[in-house]
Amino acid sequence: MIGDKKDNVEFIEEKPERKEHKFGSIKDLLDGSLIANDFIVKQLPFIVFLVALAFAYIANRYHAEKVVRANVELSKEINDLRAEAITTSSALMFISKQSEVVKLVEKRGLGLKESFEPPKKILIEK
């Protein structure tokens, strides 16, 4: 039994051969094999994170533009209200002049007369 030598046979697990990465092929993109690629599957959490980050940036941009538009609108409204306040104040100052008050009293026929004597201060001593 000298000729019956047992050879040591090692079993080696065969690893599946890696396909070469061909990125950019339209055929791979259309048939879905690009998405099923091991490299893409491993990077899927990062890709999802990038997409979520892109959505957040886009939403932030729209929100900022809306805030800026509202700010411009409110600035215009403030300027209009300031002009209206100045106009109203000017009209009130004109109407409250003594000569204008006398004209309005005569026009409305209230029967009031203008006093030509200055007011006197009444002092009460205890």
N, C-alpha and C. Protein backbone atom coordinates (compact mmCIF):
# COMPACT_ATOMS: atom_id res chain seq x y z
N MET A 1 0.79 -1.16 0.00
CA MET A 1 0.00 0.00 0.00
C MET A 1 0.85 1.25 0.00
N ILE A 2 1.93 1.07 -0.50
CA ILE A 2 2.83 2.20 -0.61
C ILE A 2 2.36 3.14 -1.70
N GLY A 3 1.74 2.68 -2.70
CA GLY A 3 1.28 3.51 -3.80
C GLY A 3 0.00 4.26 -3.47
N ASP A 4 -0.63 3.88 -2.40
CA ASP A 4 -1.87 4.56 -2.03
C ASP A 4 -1.58 5.67 -1.02
N LYS A 5 -0.98 6.67 -1.46
CA LYS A 5 -0.73 7.82 -0.59
C LYS A 5 -1.93 8.72 -0.65
N LYS A 6 -2.29 9.15 0.51
CA LYS A 6 -3.40 10.09 0.52
C LYS A 6 -2.84 11.48 0.33
N ASP A 7 -3.30 12.10 -0.70
CA ASP A 7 -2.88 13.49 -0.94
C ASP A 7 -3.76 14.41 -0.11
N ASN A 8 -3.10 15.38 0.42
CA ASN A 8 -3.87 16.40 1.15
C ASN A 8 -4.58 17.28 0.14
N VAL A 9 -5.85 17.21 0.19
CA VAL A 9 -6.64 18.04 -0.72
C VAL A 9 -7.35 19.09 0.14
N GLU A 10 -7.06 20.27 -0.15
CA GLU A 10 -7.70 21.37 0.59
C GLU A 10 -8.87 21.89 -0.23
N PHE A 11 -9.91 22.15 0.49
CA PHE A 11 -11.06 22.73 -0.17
C PHE A 11 -11.01 24.23 0.02
N ILE A 12 -10.92 24.90 -1.03
CA ILE A 12 -10.88 26.37 -0.99
C ILE A 12 -12.22 26.88 -1.47
N GLU A 13 -12.78 27.75 -0.65
CA GLU A 13 -14.06 28.33 -1.06
C GLU A 13 -13.82 29.29 -2.20
N GLU A 14 -14.55 29.06 -3.20
CA GLU A 14 -14.40 29.94 -4.35
C GLU A 14 -15.26 31.19 -4.13
N LYS A 15 -14.63 32.32 -4.31
CA LYS A 15 -15.35 33.58 -4.20
C LYS A 15 -15.93 33.93 -5.56
N PRO A 16 -17.11 34.43 -5.55
CA PRO A 16 -17.66 34.80 -6.86
C PRO A 16 -16.80 35.89 -7.49
N GLU A 17 -16.61 35.76 -8.75
CA GLU A 17 -15.78 36.73 -9.45
C GLU A 17 -16.49 38.07 -9.49
N ARG A 18 -15.72 39.08 -9.25
CA ARG A 18 -16.29 40.43 -9.28
C ARG A 18 -16.33 40.91 -10.72
N LYS A 19 -17.43 41.43 -11.04
CA LYS A 19 -17.55 41.98 -12.38
C LYS A 19 -16.86 43.33 -12.42
N GLU A 20 -16.35 43.64 -13.53
CA GLU A 20 -15.74 44.95 -13.67
C GLU A 20 -16.84 46.00 -13.66
N HIS A 21 -16.56 47.07 -12.99
CA HIS A 21 -17.56 48.13 -12.89
C HIS A 21 -17.55 48.95 -14.16
N LYS A 22 -18.66 48.91 -14.84
CA LYS A 22 -18.82 49.76 -16.01
C LYS A 22 -19.91 50.77 -15.67
N PHE A 23 -19.50 51.92 -15.26
CA PHE A 23 -20.47 52.96 -14.93
C PHE A 23 -20.73 53.81 -16.16
N GLY A 24 -21.94 54.25 -16.28
CA GLY A 24 -22.25 55.17 -17.35
C GLY A 24 -22.89 54.52 -18.55
N SER A 25 -23.06 53.23 -18.55
CA SER A 25 -23.68 52.56 -19.67
C SER A 25 -25.19 52.76 -19.57
N ILE A 26 -25.77 53.27 -20.61
CA ILE A 26 -27.21 53.53 -20.61
C ILE A 26 -27.99 52.22 -20.58
N LYS A 27 -27.43 51.20 -21.23
CA LYS A 27 -28.10 49.89 -21.23
C LYS A 27 -28.20 49.34 -19.80
N ASP A 28 -27.11 49.49 -19.02
CA ASP A 28 -27.13 49.03 -17.62
C ASP A 28 -28.14 49.81 -16.79
N LEU A 29 -28.24 51.07 -17.06
CA LEU A 29 -29.19 51.90 -16.32
C LEU A 29 -30.63 51.52 -16.65
N LEU A 30 -30.89 51.25 -17.92
CA LEU A 30 -32.25 50.93 -18.34
C LEU A 30 -32.69 49.54 -17.90
N ASP A 31 -31.80 48.57 -17.94
CA ASP A 31 -32.23 47.22 -17.55
C ASP A 31 -32.13 46.98 -16.04
N GLY A 32 -31.59 47.94 -15.28
CA GLY A 32 -31.59 47.84 -13.83
C GLY A 32 -30.38 47.14 -13.25
N SER A 33 -29.48 46.67 -14.08
CA SER A 33 -28.31 45.96 -13.54
C SER A 33 -27.34 46.92 -12.86
N LEU A 34 -27.38 48.17 -13.20
CA LEU A 34 -26.52 49.16 -12.54
C LEU A 34 -26.94 49.33 -11.08
N ILE A 35 -28.24 49.33 -10.83
CA ILE A 35 -28.74 49.51 -9.47
C ILE A 35 -28.50 48.24 -8.64
N ALA A 36 -28.49 47.08 -9.27
CA ALA A 36 -28.28 45.82 -8.56
C ALA A 36 -26.80 45.52 -8.34
N ASN A 37 -25.94 46.36 -8.80
CA ASN A 37 -24.50 46.17 -8.65
C ASN A 37 -24.15 46.21 -7.16
N ASP A 38 -23.18 45.37 -6.76
CA ASP A 38 -22.78 45.27 -5.35
C ASP A 38 -22.28 46.60 -4.81
N PHE A 39 -21.51 47.31 -5.59
CA PHE A 39 -20.97 48.59 -5.15
C PHE A 39 -22.09 49.57 -4.84
N ILE A 40 -23.09 49.63 -5.69
CA ILE A 40 -24.21 50.55 -5.50
C ILE A 40 -25.03 50.13 -4.29
N VAL A 41 -25.24 48.84 -4.12
CA VAL A 41 -26.03 48.35 -2.99
C VAL A 41 -25.32 48.67 -1.67
N LYS A 42 -24.01 48.56 -1.64
CA LYS A 42 -23.27 48.88 -0.42
C LYS A 42 -23.32 50.38 -0.11
N GLN A 43 -23.38 51.18 -1.13
CA GLN A 43 -23.39 52.63 -0.94
C GLN A 43 -24.81 53.20 -0.82
N LEU A 44 -25.82 52.36 -0.80
CA LEU A 44 -27.21 52.82 -0.78
C LEU A 44 -27.54 53.70 0.42
N PRO A 45 -27.12 53.39 1.64
CA PRO A 45 -27.43 54.31 2.76
C PRO A 45 -26.84 55.72 2.54
N PHE A 46 -25.64 55.78 2.01
CA PHE A 46 -25.03 57.09 1.74
C PHE A 46 -25.78 57.83 0.65
N ILE A 47 -26.22 57.10 -0.37
CA ILE A 47 -26.98 57.74 -1.46
C ILE A 47 -28.31 58.26 -0.94
N VAL A 48 -28.97 57.49 -0.08
CA VAL A 48 -30.24 57.94 0.52
C VAL A 48 -30.00 59.18 1.37
N PHE A 49 -28.90 59.20 2.12
CA PHE A 49 -28.55 60.37 2.92
C PHE A 49 -28.33 61.59 2.03
N LEU A 50 -27.63 61.42 0.93
CA LEU A 50 -27.40 62.55 0.02
C LEU A 50 -28.69 63.06 -0.59
N VAL A 51 -29.59 62.16 -0.93
CA VAL A 51 -30.88 62.58 -1.50
C VAL A 51 -31.69 63.34 -0.45
N ALA A 52 -31.71 62.85 0.78
CA ALA A 52 -32.43 63.55 1.86
C ALA A 52 -31.81 64.92 2.11
N LEU A 53 -30.50 65.00 2.07
CA LEU A 53 -29.82 66.28 2.25
C LEU A 53 -30.16 67.24 1.12
N ALA A 54 -30.24 66.74 -0.10
CA ALA A 54 -30.61 67.58 -1.23
C ALA A 54 -32.04 68.12 -1.06
N PHE A 55 -32.96 67.25 -0.62
CA PHE A 55 -34.33 67.71 -0.38
C PHE A 55 -34.36 68.78 0.70
N ALA A 56 -33.55 68.59 1.75
CA ALA A 56 -33.52 69.59 2.83
C ALA A 56 -32.99 70.92 2.31
N TYR A 57 -31.94 70.89 1.48
CA TYR A 57 -31.42 72.14 0.92
C TYR A 57 -32.44 72.83 0.03
N ILE A 58 -33.14 72.07 -0.78
CA ILE A 58 -34.14 72.66 -1.67
C ILE A 58 -35.28 73.27 -0.86
N ALA A 59 -35.74 72.55 0.16
CA ALA A 59 -36.82 73.08 1.01
C ALA A 59 -36.36 74.34 1.74
N ASN A 60 -35.13 74.34 2.21
CA ASN A 60 -34.59 75.52 2.89
C ASN A 60 -34.52 76.71 1.94
N ARG A 61 -34.14 76.49 0.72
CA ARG A 61 -34.07 77.57 -0.28
C ARG A 61 -35.45 78.15 -0.54
N TYR A 62 -36.45 77.29 -0.74
CA TYR A 62 -37.81 77.78 -0.97
C TYR A 62 -38.32 78.57 0.24
N HIS A 63 -38.03 78.07 1.43
CA HIS A 63 -38.47 78.77 2.65
C HIS A 63 -37.79 80.13 2.75
N ALA A 64 -36.51 80.19 2.45
CA ALA A 64 -35.78 81.47 2.51
C ALA A 64 -36.33 82.46 1.49
N GLU A 65 -36.64 81.99 0.29
CA GLU A 65 -37.21 82.88 -0.72
C GLU A 65 -38.57 83.40 -0.28
N LYS A 66 -39.37 82.54 0.35
CA LYS A 66 -40.69 82.96 0.83
C LYS A 66 -40.54 84.02 1.92
N VAL A 67 -39.56 83.84 2.81
CA VAL A 67 -39.33 84.81 3.88
C VAL A 67 -38.88 86.15 3.30
N VAL A 68 -38.01 86.10 2.30
CA VAL A 68 -37.53 87.34 1.68
C VAL A 68 -38.68 88.07 0.99
N ARG A 69 -39.53 87.33 0.28
CA ARG A 69 -40.69 87.96 -0.37
C ARG A 69 -41.62 88.60 0.65
N ALA A 70 -41.86 87.91 1.76
CA ALA A 70 -42.72 88.47 2.81
C ALA A 70 -42.06 89.71 3.42
N ASN A 71 -40.76 89.68 3.58
CA ASN A 71 -40.03 90.83 4.14
C ASN A 71 -40.16 92.05 3.22
N VAL A 72 -40.02 91.85 1.92
CA VAL A 72 -40.16 92.95 0.96
C VAL A 72 -41.58 93.50 1.00
N GLU A 73 -42.55 92.60 1.05
CA GLU A 73 -43.95 93.01 1.10
C GLU A 73 -44.24 93.83 2.36
N LEU A 74 -43.72 93.38 3.49
CA LEU A 74 -43.94 94.11 4.74
C LEU A 74 -43.21 95.45 4.74
N SER A 75 -42.05 95.52 4.12
CA SER A 75 -41.34 96.80 4.01
C SER A 75 -42.14 97.82 3.21
N LYS A 76 -42.75 97.35 2.11
CA LYS A 76 -43.59 98.25 1.31
C LYS A 76 -44.79 98.72 2.13
N GLU A 77 -45.40 97.79 2.88
CA GLU A 77 -46.55 98.15 3.69
C GLU A 77 -46.16 99.15 4.78
N ILE A 78 -44.98 98.98 5.38
CA ILE A 78 -44.51 99.92 6.40
C ILE A 78 -44.31 101.30 5.80
N ASN A 79 -43.73 101.36 4.61
CA ASN A 79 -43.54 102.67 3.97
C ASN A 79 -44.87 103.34 3.67
N ASP A 80 -45.85 102.55 3.19
CA ASP A 80 -47.18 103.12 2.91
C ASP A 80 -47.83 103.63 4.20
N LEU A 81 -47.75 102.84 5.26
CA LEU A 81 -48.36 103.25 6.52
C LEU A 81 -47.65 104.47 7.12
N ARG A 82 -46.34 104.56 6.95
CA ARG A 82 -45.60 105.72 7.45
C ARG A 82 -46.04 106.98 6.70
N ALA A 83 -46.19 106.86 5.38
CA ALA A 83 -46.65 108.02 4.59
C ALA A 83 -48.06 108.41 5.00
N GLU A 84 -48.93 107.43 5.22
CA GLU A 84 -50.30 107.72 5.64
C GLU A 84 -50.31 108.38 7.03
N ALA A 85 -49.45 107.93 7.94
CA ALA A 85 -49.38 108.52 9.27
C ALA A 85 -48.91 109.98 9.20
N ILE A 86 -47.95 110.26 8.36
CA ILE A 86 -47.47 111.64 8.21
C ILE A 86 -48.56 112.53 7.64
N THR A 87 -49.28 112.02 6.64
CA THR A 87 -50.37 112.79 6.03
C THR A 87 -51.48 113.05 7.05
N THR A 88 -51.86 112.04 7.83
CA THR A 88 -52.91 112.20 8.83
C THR A 88 -52.47 113.17 9.93
N SER A 89 -51.24 113.08 10.33
CA SER A 89 -50.71 113.99 11.36
C SER A 89 -50.72 115.44 10.86
N SER A 90 -50.35 115.61 9.62
CA SER A 90 -50.35 116.96 9.04
C SER A 90 -51.77 117.52 8.96
N ALA A 91 -52.71 116.67 8.53
CA ALA A 91 -54.11 117.13 8.45
C ALA A 91 -54.65 117.46 9.84
N LEU A 92 -54.32 116.67 10.85
CA LEU A 92 -54.77 116.91 12.22
C LEU A 92 -54.19 118.22 12.75
N MET A 93 -52.92 118.46 12.48
CA MET A 93 -52.31 119.71 12.91
C MET A 93 -52.99 120.92 12.25
N PHE A 94 -53.35 120.79 10.97
CA PHE A 94 -54.02 121.88 10.26
C PHE A 94 -55.41 122.13 10.83
N ILE A 95 -56.17 121.06 11.10
CA ILE A 95 -57.54 121.20 11.60
C ILE A 95 -57.55 121.74 13.03
N SER A 96 -56.52 121.44 13.83
CA SER A 96 -56.53 121.85 15.23
C SER A 96 -56.03 123.28 15.45
N LYS A 97 -55.68 123.99 14.38
CA LYS A 97 -55.31 125.41 14.56
C LYS A 97 -56.55 126.18 15.01
N GLN A 98 -56.31 127.24 15.78
CA GLN A 98 -57.42 127.98 16.37
C GLN A 98 -58.33 128.57 15.28
N SER A 99 -57.76 129.11 14.24
CA SER A 99 -58.57 129.72 13.18
C SER A 99 -59.43 128.67 12.48
N GLU A 100 -58.91 127.47 12.30
CA GLU A 100 -59.68 126.40 11.65
C GLU A 100 -60.79 125.89 12.56
N VAL A 101 -60.53 125.85 13.87
CA VAL A 101 -61.56 125.42 14.81
C VAL A 101 -62.72 126.40 14.79
N VAL A 102 -62.41 127.70 14.76
CA VAL A 102 -63.46 128.73 14.70
C VAL A 102 -64.27 128.57 13.42
N LYS A 103 -63.62 128.34 12.29
CA LYS A 103 -64.34 128.16 11.02
C LYS A 103 -65.27 126.95 11.07
N LEU A 104 -64.79 125.85 11.65
CA LEU A 104 -65.62 124.64 11.74
C LEU A 104 -66.81 124.83 12.67
N VAL A 105 -66.61 125.56 13.78
CA VAL A 105 -67.72 125.80 14.71
C VAL A 105 -68.78 126.65 14.04
N GLU A 106 -68.39 127.69 13.31
CA GLU A 106 -69.36 128.55 12.61
C GLU A 106 -70.05 127.77 11.49
N LYS A 107 -69.30 126.95 10.79
CA LYS A 107 -69.86 126.18 9.67
C LYS A 107 -70.91 125.19 10.14
N ARG A 108 -70.70 124.57 11.27
CA ARG A 108 -71.64 123.56 11.79
C ARG A 108 -72.74 124.18 12.63
N GLY A 109 -72.64 125.45 12.91
CA GLY A 109 -73.70 126.14 13.65
C GLY A 109 -73.87 125.65 15.07
N LEU A 110 -72.80 125.51 15.80
CA LEU A 110 -72.87 125.01 17.16
C LEU A 110 -73.21 126.11 18.17
N GLY A 111 -73.16 127.37 17.76
CA GLY A 111 -73.52 128.48 18.65
C GLY A 111 -72.44 128.82 19.66
N LEU A 112 -71.24 128.38 19.46
CA LEU A 112 -70.14 128.69 20.35
C LEU A 112 -69.43 129.94 19.84
N LYS A 113 -68.89 130.72 20.80
CA LYS A 113 -68.17 131.93 20.40
C LYS A 113 -66.76 131.86 20.94
N GLU A 114 -65.88 132.54 20.27
CA GLU A 114 -64.47 132.54 20.64
C GLU A 114 -64.25 133.51 21.79
N SER A 115 -63.50 133.10 22.77
CA SER A 115 -63.19 133.94 23.91
C SER A 115 -61.93 134.74 23.60
N PHE A 116 -62.01 136.05 23.86
CA PHE A 116 -60.85 136.90 23.59
C PHE A 116 -60.08 137.21 24.87
N GLU A 117 -60.62 136.82 26.00
CA GLU A 117 -59.93 137.02 27.27
C GLU A 117 -59.08 135.80 27.57
N PRO A 118 -57.85 135.99 28.02
CA PRO A 118 -57.02 134.83 28.34
C PRO A 118 -57.58 134.15 29.59
N PRO A 119 -57.35 132.87 29.73
CA PRO A 119 -57.85 132.17 30.91
C PRO A 119 -57.14 132.67 32.16
N LYS A 120 -57.87 132.63 33.30
CA LYS A 120 -57.31 133.08 34.56
C LYS A 120 -57.15 131.88 35.48
N LYS A 121 -56.12 131.95 36.29
CA LYS A 121 -55.84 130.88 37.23
C LYS A 121 -56.54 131.19 38.54
N ILE A 122 -57.29 130.25 39.06
CA ILE A 122 -58.01 130.43 40.32
C ILE A 122 -57.18 129.78 41.43
N LEU A 123 -56.85 130.57 42.42
CA LEU A 123 -56.07 130.07 43.55
C LEU A 123 -56.99 130.00 44.77
N ILE A 124 -56.97 128.89 45.46
CA ILE A 124 -57.75 128.71 46.67
C ILE A 124 -56.77 128.52 47.81
N GLU A 125 -56.93 129.41 48.80
CA GLU A 125 -56.05 129.32 49.97
C GLU A 125 -56.80 128.68 51.10
N LYS A 126 -56.15 127.83 51.85
CA LYS A 126 -56.80 127.15 52.96
C LYS A 126 -56.41 127.78 54.25
